[in-house]
Every structure is written in C-alpha cells, then in structure tokens.
N, C-alpha and C. Protein backbone atom coordinates (compact mmCIF):
# COMPACT_ATOMS: atom_id res chain seq x y z
N MET A 1 -61.35 -154.96 91.78
CA MET A 1 -60.67 -154.16 91.70
C MET A 1 -60.89 -152.60 91.82
N TYR A 2 -62.27 -152.12 90.83
CA TYR A 2 -62.73 -150.58 90.67
C TYR A 2 -63.67 -150.07 91.95
N GLU A 3 -64.07 -151.19 92.88
CA GLU A 3 -65.28 -150.27 93.97
C GLU A 3 -65.04 -149.28 94.17
N TRP A 4 -63.82 -148.40 94.13
CA TRP A 4 -63.42 -147.25 95.22
C TRP A 4 -64.33 -145.67 94.17
N ALA A 5 -64.50 -146.56 92.73
CA ALA A 5 -64.31 -145.41 91.84
C ALA A 5 -66.11 -145.81 91.74
N ASP A 6 -66.73 -146.89 91.46
CA ASP A 6 -67.95 -146.72 91.42
C ASP A 6 -68.80 -145.81 91.19
N GLU A 7 -69.38 -145.13 92.60
CA GLU A 7 -70.03 -144.23 92.73
C GLU A 7 -69.48 -142.79 92.65
N MET A 8 -69.15 -142.55 92.72
CA MET A 8 -67.94 -141.30 92.72
C MET A 8 -68.50 -140.15 91.90
N ASN A 9 -68.69 -138.65 92.21
CA ASN A 9 -68.68 -137.65 90.98
C ASN A 9 -68.56 -137.19 90.62
N CYS A 10 -67.49 -137.84 89.96
CA CYS A 10 -67.09 -138.14 88.51
C CYS A 10 -66.74 -138.95 87.60
N ALA A 11 -66.88 -138.63 86.13
CA ALA A 11 -66.87 -140.01 85.54
C ALA A 11 -65.27 -140.79 85.63
N VAL A 12 -65.77 -142.08 86.17
CA VAL A 12 -63.82 -142.79 85.35
C VAL A 12 -63.84 -143.56 84.75
N THR A 13 -62.45 -143.22 84.15
CA THR A 13 -62.74 -144.80 82.59
C THR A 13 -61.31 -145.24 82.91
N VAL A 14 -61.57 -146.05 82.06
CA VAL A 14 -59.71 -147.16 83.04
C VAL A 14 -59.88 -147.66 81.21
N CYS A 15 -57.97 -147.48 80.79
CA CYS A 15 -57.98 -148.21 79.28
C CYS A 15 -56.92 -149.42 79.49
N ASP A 16 -56.50 -150.25 79.12
CA ASP A 16 -55.28 -151.15 78.66
C ASP A 16 -54.73 -150.08 78.04
N THR A 17 -53.13 -150.36 77.39
CA THR A 17 -52.56 -150.32 76.40
C THR A 17 -52.72 -150.38 74.40
N GLN A 18 -53.71 -151.41 74.38
CA GLN A 18 -54.33 -151.24 73.51
C GLN A 18 -55.52 -150.42 73.11
N GLY A 19 -56.01 -149.11 74.72
CA GLY A 19 -57.24 -148.82 74.80
C GLY A 19 -58.30 -149.75 74.92
N ILE A 20 -58.24 -150.50 74.72
CA ILE A 20 -59.54 -151.25 75.72
C ILE A 20 -59.80 -150.77 77.04
N ILE A 21 -61.61 -150.73 76.77
CA ILE A 21 -61.91 -150.11 78.43
C ILE A 21 -61.46 -150.85 79.26
N LEU A 22 -60.90 -151.43 79.77
CA LEU A 22 -61.60 -152.66 81.21
C LEU A 22 -62.19 -151.85 82.34
N TYR A 23 -62.36 -150.74 82.47
CA TYR A 23 -63.83 -150.35 83.58
C TYR A 23 -64.50 -148.39 83.40
N MET A 24 -65.57 -148.74 83.64
CA MET A 24 -66.20 -147.57 83.13
C MET A 24 -67.13 -147.84 84.54
N ASN A 25 -67.19 -145.99 85.56
CA ASN A 25 -67.68 -145.95 86.61
C ASN A 25 -69.05 -145.25 86.39
N GLU A 26 -70.21 -145.20 87.00
CA GLU A 26 -71.37 -145.41 86.93
C GLU A 26 -71.67 -144.31 86.22
N LYS A 27 -70.79 -143.60 86.77
CA LYS A 27 -70.62 -142.09 85.60
C LYS A 27 -70.76 -141.97 85.16
N ALA A 28 -69.21 -142.65 84.18
CA ALA A 28 -69.39 -143.18 82.79
C ALA A 28 -70.14 -143.10 81.94
N CYS A 29 -70.42 -145.07 82.52
CA CYS A 29 -72.03 -144.81 81.56
C CYS A 29 -73.22 -143.84 81.79
N ARG A 30 -73.22 -143.33 81.71
CA ARG A 30 -74.10 -142.14 81.97
C ARG A 30 -74.42 -141.65 80.21
N THR A 31 -72.50 -140.75 81.37
CA THR A 31 -72.52 -140.18 80.06
C THR A 31 -72.67 -140.51 78.73
N PHE A 32 -72.38 -142.24 79.05
CA PHE A 32 -72.20 -142.08 77.21
C PHE A 32 -72.53 -142.90 76.97
N ALA A 33 -73.74 -142.52 78.22
CA ALA A 33 -75.59 -143.84 76.82
C ALA A 33 -75.77 -143.52 76.15
N GLY A 34 -75.57 -142.69 75.28
CA GLY A 34 -76.54 -143.36 74.30
C GLY A 34 -75.19 -143.61 72.59
N HIS A 35 -74.59 -144.10 73.67
CA HIS A 35 -72.89 -144.83 72.67
C HIS A 35 -72.84 -146.58 72.58
N GLY A 36 -74.52 -146.49 74.31
CA GLY A 36 -74.57 -148.12 74.44
C GLY A 36 -73.16 -148.20 75.50
N ASN A 37 -73.11 -149.84 74.91
CA ASN A 37 -72.11 -150.32 76.39
C ASN A 37 -70.79 -150.65 75.55
N LEU A 38 -69.21 -149.26 76.26
CA LEU A 38 -68.32 -149.38 75.76
C LEU A 38 -66.93 -149.98 76.78
N ILE A 39 -67.74 -150.84 77.70
CA ILE A 39 -66.73 -151.17 78.32
C ILE A 39 -66.28 -153.20 76.99
N GLY A 40 -65.17 -152.89 77.12
CA GLY A 40 -64.70 -154.43 75.93
C GLY A 40 -65.14 -153.45 74.68
N ARG A 41 -64.86 -151.52 74.63
CA ARG A 41 -64.43 -151.46 73.26
C ARG A 41 -62.99 -150.43 72.84
N ASN A 42 -62.86 -150.30 71.60
CA ASN A 42 -61.40 -149.11 71.56
C ASN A 42 -62.29 -148.07 71.33
N LEU A 43 -60.77 -147.26 72.88
CA LEU A 43 -61.92 -145.89 72.25
C LEU A 43 -60.67 -145.33 71.55
N PHE A 44 -59.75 -145.65 70.95
CA PHE A 44 -59.50 -145.40 69.85
C PHE A 44 -60.25 -144.98 68.68
N ASP A 45 -61.81 -146.05 68.70
CA ASP A 45 -62.37 -145.69 67.15
C ASP A 45 -63.55 -144.62 67.56
N CYS A 46 -63.16 -144.37 69.32
CA CYS A 46 -64.52 -142.79 69.25
C CYS A 46 -63.68 -141.11 68.97
N HIS A 47 -62.19 -141.88 69.15
CA HIS A 47 -61.10 -140.54 69.27
C HIS A 47 -60.81 -139.66 68.17
N SER A 48 -60.66 -138.94 67.32
CA SER A 48 -60.18 -137.89 66.56
C SER A 48 -58.57 -138.38 66.38
N PRO A 49 -57.62 -138.14 65.01
CA PRO A 49 -56.75 -138.60 64.58
C PRO A 49 -55.76 -137.89 65.89
N LYS A 50 -56.50 -136.13 66.34
CA LYS A 50 -55.98 -135.64 66.79
C LYS A 50 -55.49 -136.03 68.29
N SER A 51 -56.51 -136.43 69.09
CA SER A 51 -57.08 -137.03 69.75
C SER A 51 -55.83 -138.71 70.61
N GLN A 52 -56.52 -138.95 68.85
CA GLN A 52 -55.33 -140.59 68.73
C GLN A 52 -54.22 -140.76 69.49
N GLU A 53 -53.34 -139.10 68.74
CA GLU A 53 -51.91 -139.22 69.35
C GLU A 53 -51.56 -138.70 70.29
N LYS A 54 -52.54 -137.97 71.21
CA LYS A 54 -51.61 -137.96 72.77
C LYS A 54 -52.68 -138.72 73.13
N ILE A 55 -53.05 -139.59 73.08
CA ILE A 55 -53.53 -141.29 73.81
C ILE A 55 -52.04 -141.84 73.22
N ARG A 56 -52.07 -142.32 72.08
CA ARG A 56 -50.70 -143.37 71.99
C ARG A 56 -49.50 -142.56 73.27
N GLU A 57 -49.15 -141.00 72.94
CA GLU A 57 -48.36 -140.25 73.35
C GLU A 57 -48.01 -140.78 74.79
N LEU A 58 -48.86 -140.70 76.15
CA LEU A 58 -49.40 -140.73 77.34
C LEU A 58 -49.34 -142.03 77.52
N LEU A 59 -49.45 -143.90 76.85
CA LEU A 59 -49.07 -144.42 76.90
C LEU A 59 -47.42 -144.98 76.42
N GLU A 60 -47.02 -144.41 75.34
CA GLU A 60 -45.86 -144.47 74.69
C GLU A 60 -44.77 -143.89 77.09
N THR A 61 -45.26 -142.48 77.51
CA THR A 61 -44.09 -142.04 78.37
C THR A 61 -45.28 -142.39 79.45
N GLY A 62 -46.00 -142.65 79.61
CA GLY A 62 -46.86 -142.81 81.05
C GLY A 62 -46.81 -141.26 81.10
N GLY A 63 -47.18 -140.77 80.64
CA GLY A 63 -47.78 -138.98 80.84
C GLY A 63 -49.16 -138.67 81.12
N VAL A 64 -49.37 -137.25 82.07
CA VAL A 64 -50.45 -136.68 82.18
C VAL A 64 -50.92 -135.67 81.32
N ASN A 65 -52.15 -135.43 80.84
CA ASN A 65 -52.72 -135.05 80.18
C ASN A 65 -53.65 -134.28 80.86
N ALA A 66 -54.05 -132.37 81.57
CA ALA A 66 -54.75 -132.12 81.62
C ALA A 66 -55.48 -131.05 80.75
N TYR A 67 -57.04 -130.56 81.52
CA TYR A 67 -57.17 -129.84 80.29
C TYR A 67 -58.45 -129.19 81.02
N THR A 68 -59.23 -128.25 80.43
CA THR A 68 -60.61 -128.27 81.54
C THR A 68 -61.60 -128.36 79.43
N ILE A 69 -62.57 -127.80 80.40
CA ILE A 69 -63.31 -128.40 78.78
C ILE A 69 -65.06 -127.39 78.70
N GLU A 70 -65.90 -126.75 77.87
CA GLU A 70 -66.64 -126.24 77.99
C GLU A 70 -67.84 -127.17 77.77
N LYS A 71 -69.03 -127.29 77.20
CA LYS A 71 -69.78 -128.46 76.63
C LYS A 71 -71.38 -128.34 77.03
N LYS A 72 -72.36 -127.72 76.97
CA LYS A 72 -73.35 -127.36 77.06
C LYS A 72 -73.21 -127.10 78.21
N GLY A 73 -72.56 -125.92 78.39
CA GLY A 73 -72.60 -124.81 79.37
C GLY A 73 -72.83 -124.77 80.86
N GLY A 74 -72.07 -125.92 80.79
CA GLY A 74 -71.52 -126.72 81.80
C GLY A 74 -69.67 -126.95 81.34
N ARG A 75 -68.80 -127.27 82.38
CA ARG A 75 -67.64 -126.66 82.91
C ARG A 75 -66.72 -128.00 82.84
N LYS A 76 -65.16 -128.44 82.92
CA LYS A 76 -65.94 -129.54 83.53
C LYS A 76 -64.16 -130.47 82.65
N MET A 77 -63.79 -130.74 84.13
CA MET A 77 -61.91 -131.03 84.27
C MET A 77 -61.98 -132.10 83.85
N ILE A 78 -61.13 -132.37 82.74
CA ILE A 78 -60.86 -133.44 82.05
C ILE A 78 -59.72 -133.76 83.13
N TYR A 79 -58.96 -135.02 83.17
CA TYR A 79 -57.36 -135.24 84.00
C TYR A 79 -56.85 -136.97 84.01
N GLN A 80 -56.01 -136.51 82.55
CA GLN A 80 -55.53 -138.82 82.01
C GLN A 80 -54.47 -138.78 82.18
N THR A 81 -53.95 -139.67 83.38
CA THR A 81 -52.78 -140.48 83.52
C THR A 81 -52.46 -141.40 82.91
N ALA A 82 -51.22 -142.05 83.32
CA ALA A 82 -51.22 -143.72 82.41
C ALA A 82 -51.74 -143.72 84.26
N TRP A 83 -52.13 -145.77 84.33
CA TRP A 83 -51.20 -146.39 85.36
C TRP A 83 -50.33 -147.58 84.95
N LYS A 84 -49.99 -147.63 85.94
CA LYS A 84 -48.85 -148.97 86.33
C LYS A 84 -48.96 -149.74 87.23
N ARG A 85 -47.91 -151.03 86.92
CA ARG A 85 -48.33 -152.24 87.67
C ARG A 85 -46.44 -152.25 87.90
N GLU A 86 -45.92 -152.44 89.30
CA GLU A 86 -44.90 -151.84 89.60
C GLU A 86 -43.28 -151.49 87.93
N GLY A 87 -43.95 -150.63 87.61
CA GLY A 87 -43.19 -148.97 87.27
C GLY A 87 -43.35 -149.57 85.82
N VAL A 88 -44.67 -150.42 85.24
CA VAL A 88 -44.96 -150.58 83.38
C VAL A 88 -46.12 -149.86 83.46
N VAL A 89 -46.21 -149.09 82.23
CA VAL A 89 -47.92 -148.22 82.39
C VAL A 89 -48.51 -150.01 81.19
N CYS A 90 -49.66 -149.41 82.13
CA CYS A 90 -50.19 -150.96 81.79
C CYS A 90 -52.01 -149.89 81.10
N GLY A 91 -51.99 -148.81 81.18
CA GLY A 91 -52.85 -148.48 80.36
C GLY A 91 -52.95 -147.04 80.27
N LEU A 92 -54.53 -146.44 80.87
CA LEU A 92 -54.72 -144.68 81.27
C LEU A 92 -56.02 -144.61 82.34
N VAL A 93 -56.74 -144.21 82.38
CA VAL A 93 -56.85 -143.54 83.67
C VAL A 93 -57.79 -142.49 83.31
N GLU A 94 -58.93 -142.16 82.39
CA GLU A 94 -59.37 -140.52 82.94
C GLU A 94 -60.82 -140.51 83.92
N ILE A 95 -60.59 -139.10 84.87
CA ILE A 95 -61.02 -138.61 85.56
C ILE A 95 -61.78 -137.11 84.95
N SER A 96 -63.14 -137.08 84.26
CA SER A 96 -63.43 -135.67 84.00
C SER A 96 -64.21 -135.51 85.02
N MET A 97 -64.42 -133.74 85.87
CA MET A 97 -65.32 -133.59 86.91
C MET A 97 -66.40 -132.43 86.42
N GLU A 98 -67.35 -132.36 86.73
CA GLU A 98 -67.86 -130.68 86.88
C GLU A 98 -67.13 -129.63 87.73
N ILE A 99 -66.85 -128.71 86.60
CA ILE A 99 -65.79 -127.37 87.65
C ILE A 99 -66.79 -126.20 87.53
N PRO A 100 -67.28 -125.20 88.42
CA PRO A 100 -67.29 -124.29 87.72
C PRO A 100 -66.80 -123.42 87.76
N GLY A 101 -67.42 -122.30 86.98
CA GLY A 101 -66.99 -120.86 86.26
C GLY A 101 -65.88 -120.14 86.90
N GLU A 102 -65.42 -120.27 88.09
CA GLU A 102 -64.72 -119.83 88.88
C GLU A 102 -64.10 -120.87 89.83
N MET A 103 -63.36 -120.65 89.93
CA MET A 103 -62.03 -121.62 91.50
C MET A 103 -61.13 -121.16 91.80
N PRO A 104 -61.49 -120.91 93.39
CA PRO A 104 -60.25 -120.37 94.58
C PRO A 104 -59.05 -121.61 94.06
N HIS A 105 -58.55 -120.16 93.75
CA HIS A 105 -57.31 -121.37 94.01
C HIS A 105 -55.87 -120.12 94.66
N TYR A 106 -55.63 -122.06 95.62
CA TYR A 106 -54.94 -120.71 96.93
C TYR A 106 -53.50 -121.53 96.54
N ILE A 107 -52.50 -120.70 96.97
CA ILE A 107 -50.65 -121.21 96.92
C ILE A 107 -50.22 -121.14 98.46
N ARG A 108 -50.15 -123.10 99.00
CA ARG A 108 -49.45 -123.48 99.72
C ARG A 108 -48.16 -123.30 99.66
N GLU A 109 -47.63 -123.26 101.29
CA GLU A 109 -45.96 -123.34 101.03
C GLU A 109 -45.87 -123.59 102.38
C-alpha cells in the first residue's frame, strides 16, 4: 500500500485516527531508530500536550499543518495532513524533508 514511499528521500509516517502508527518509511525508521520500532505504538506518547492538541485538531478538521524547523544545523519542512477514504478522515500523514537554508520562491500565474 505504501511502496511508493519506502525509499523516498524524506521521512513519511502514517497514523490512524487514534494516533497508532501504521507505517514509517525507511528514512523515518532511521530518523527515530533510537526509539526502537514505533509501528503499532501511539504517537501521542511521543508528543507534548501542545502537539497532541494540534494532532487532535487535524484529525477532527481534516486540516493541514506545515512549518519548518532547524535541528543539529539542518533545516526541515514538516507537512502534516489528514488522509481520507471516501471523504472520511482515517488518520494523518507526516512528511519531513530536509531543505536548504535559502530556497528559491517562484510565483506562477
């Protein structure tokens, strides 16, 4: 089901509506290797109350949360969005990708 994401050069994590991690691609598994195998575990256990609130909001609204972070000298863009089946929210997908310090921005019309 997620073969397309297995070897992507960004971390992909998928959970269900209860926060149970259903899938992590190879890069996500490497990123969190120090925490052991997280598939089947609840992602709420790994997040602060503020982050848990945001996750619940996304699950309720089917919304999107996008932001950048800097960690260990590297920058990443985090994109979190609901995944749906026949219009019903089934969980969340998080894509985390490394980005350069400066990026071109294009306006297309």
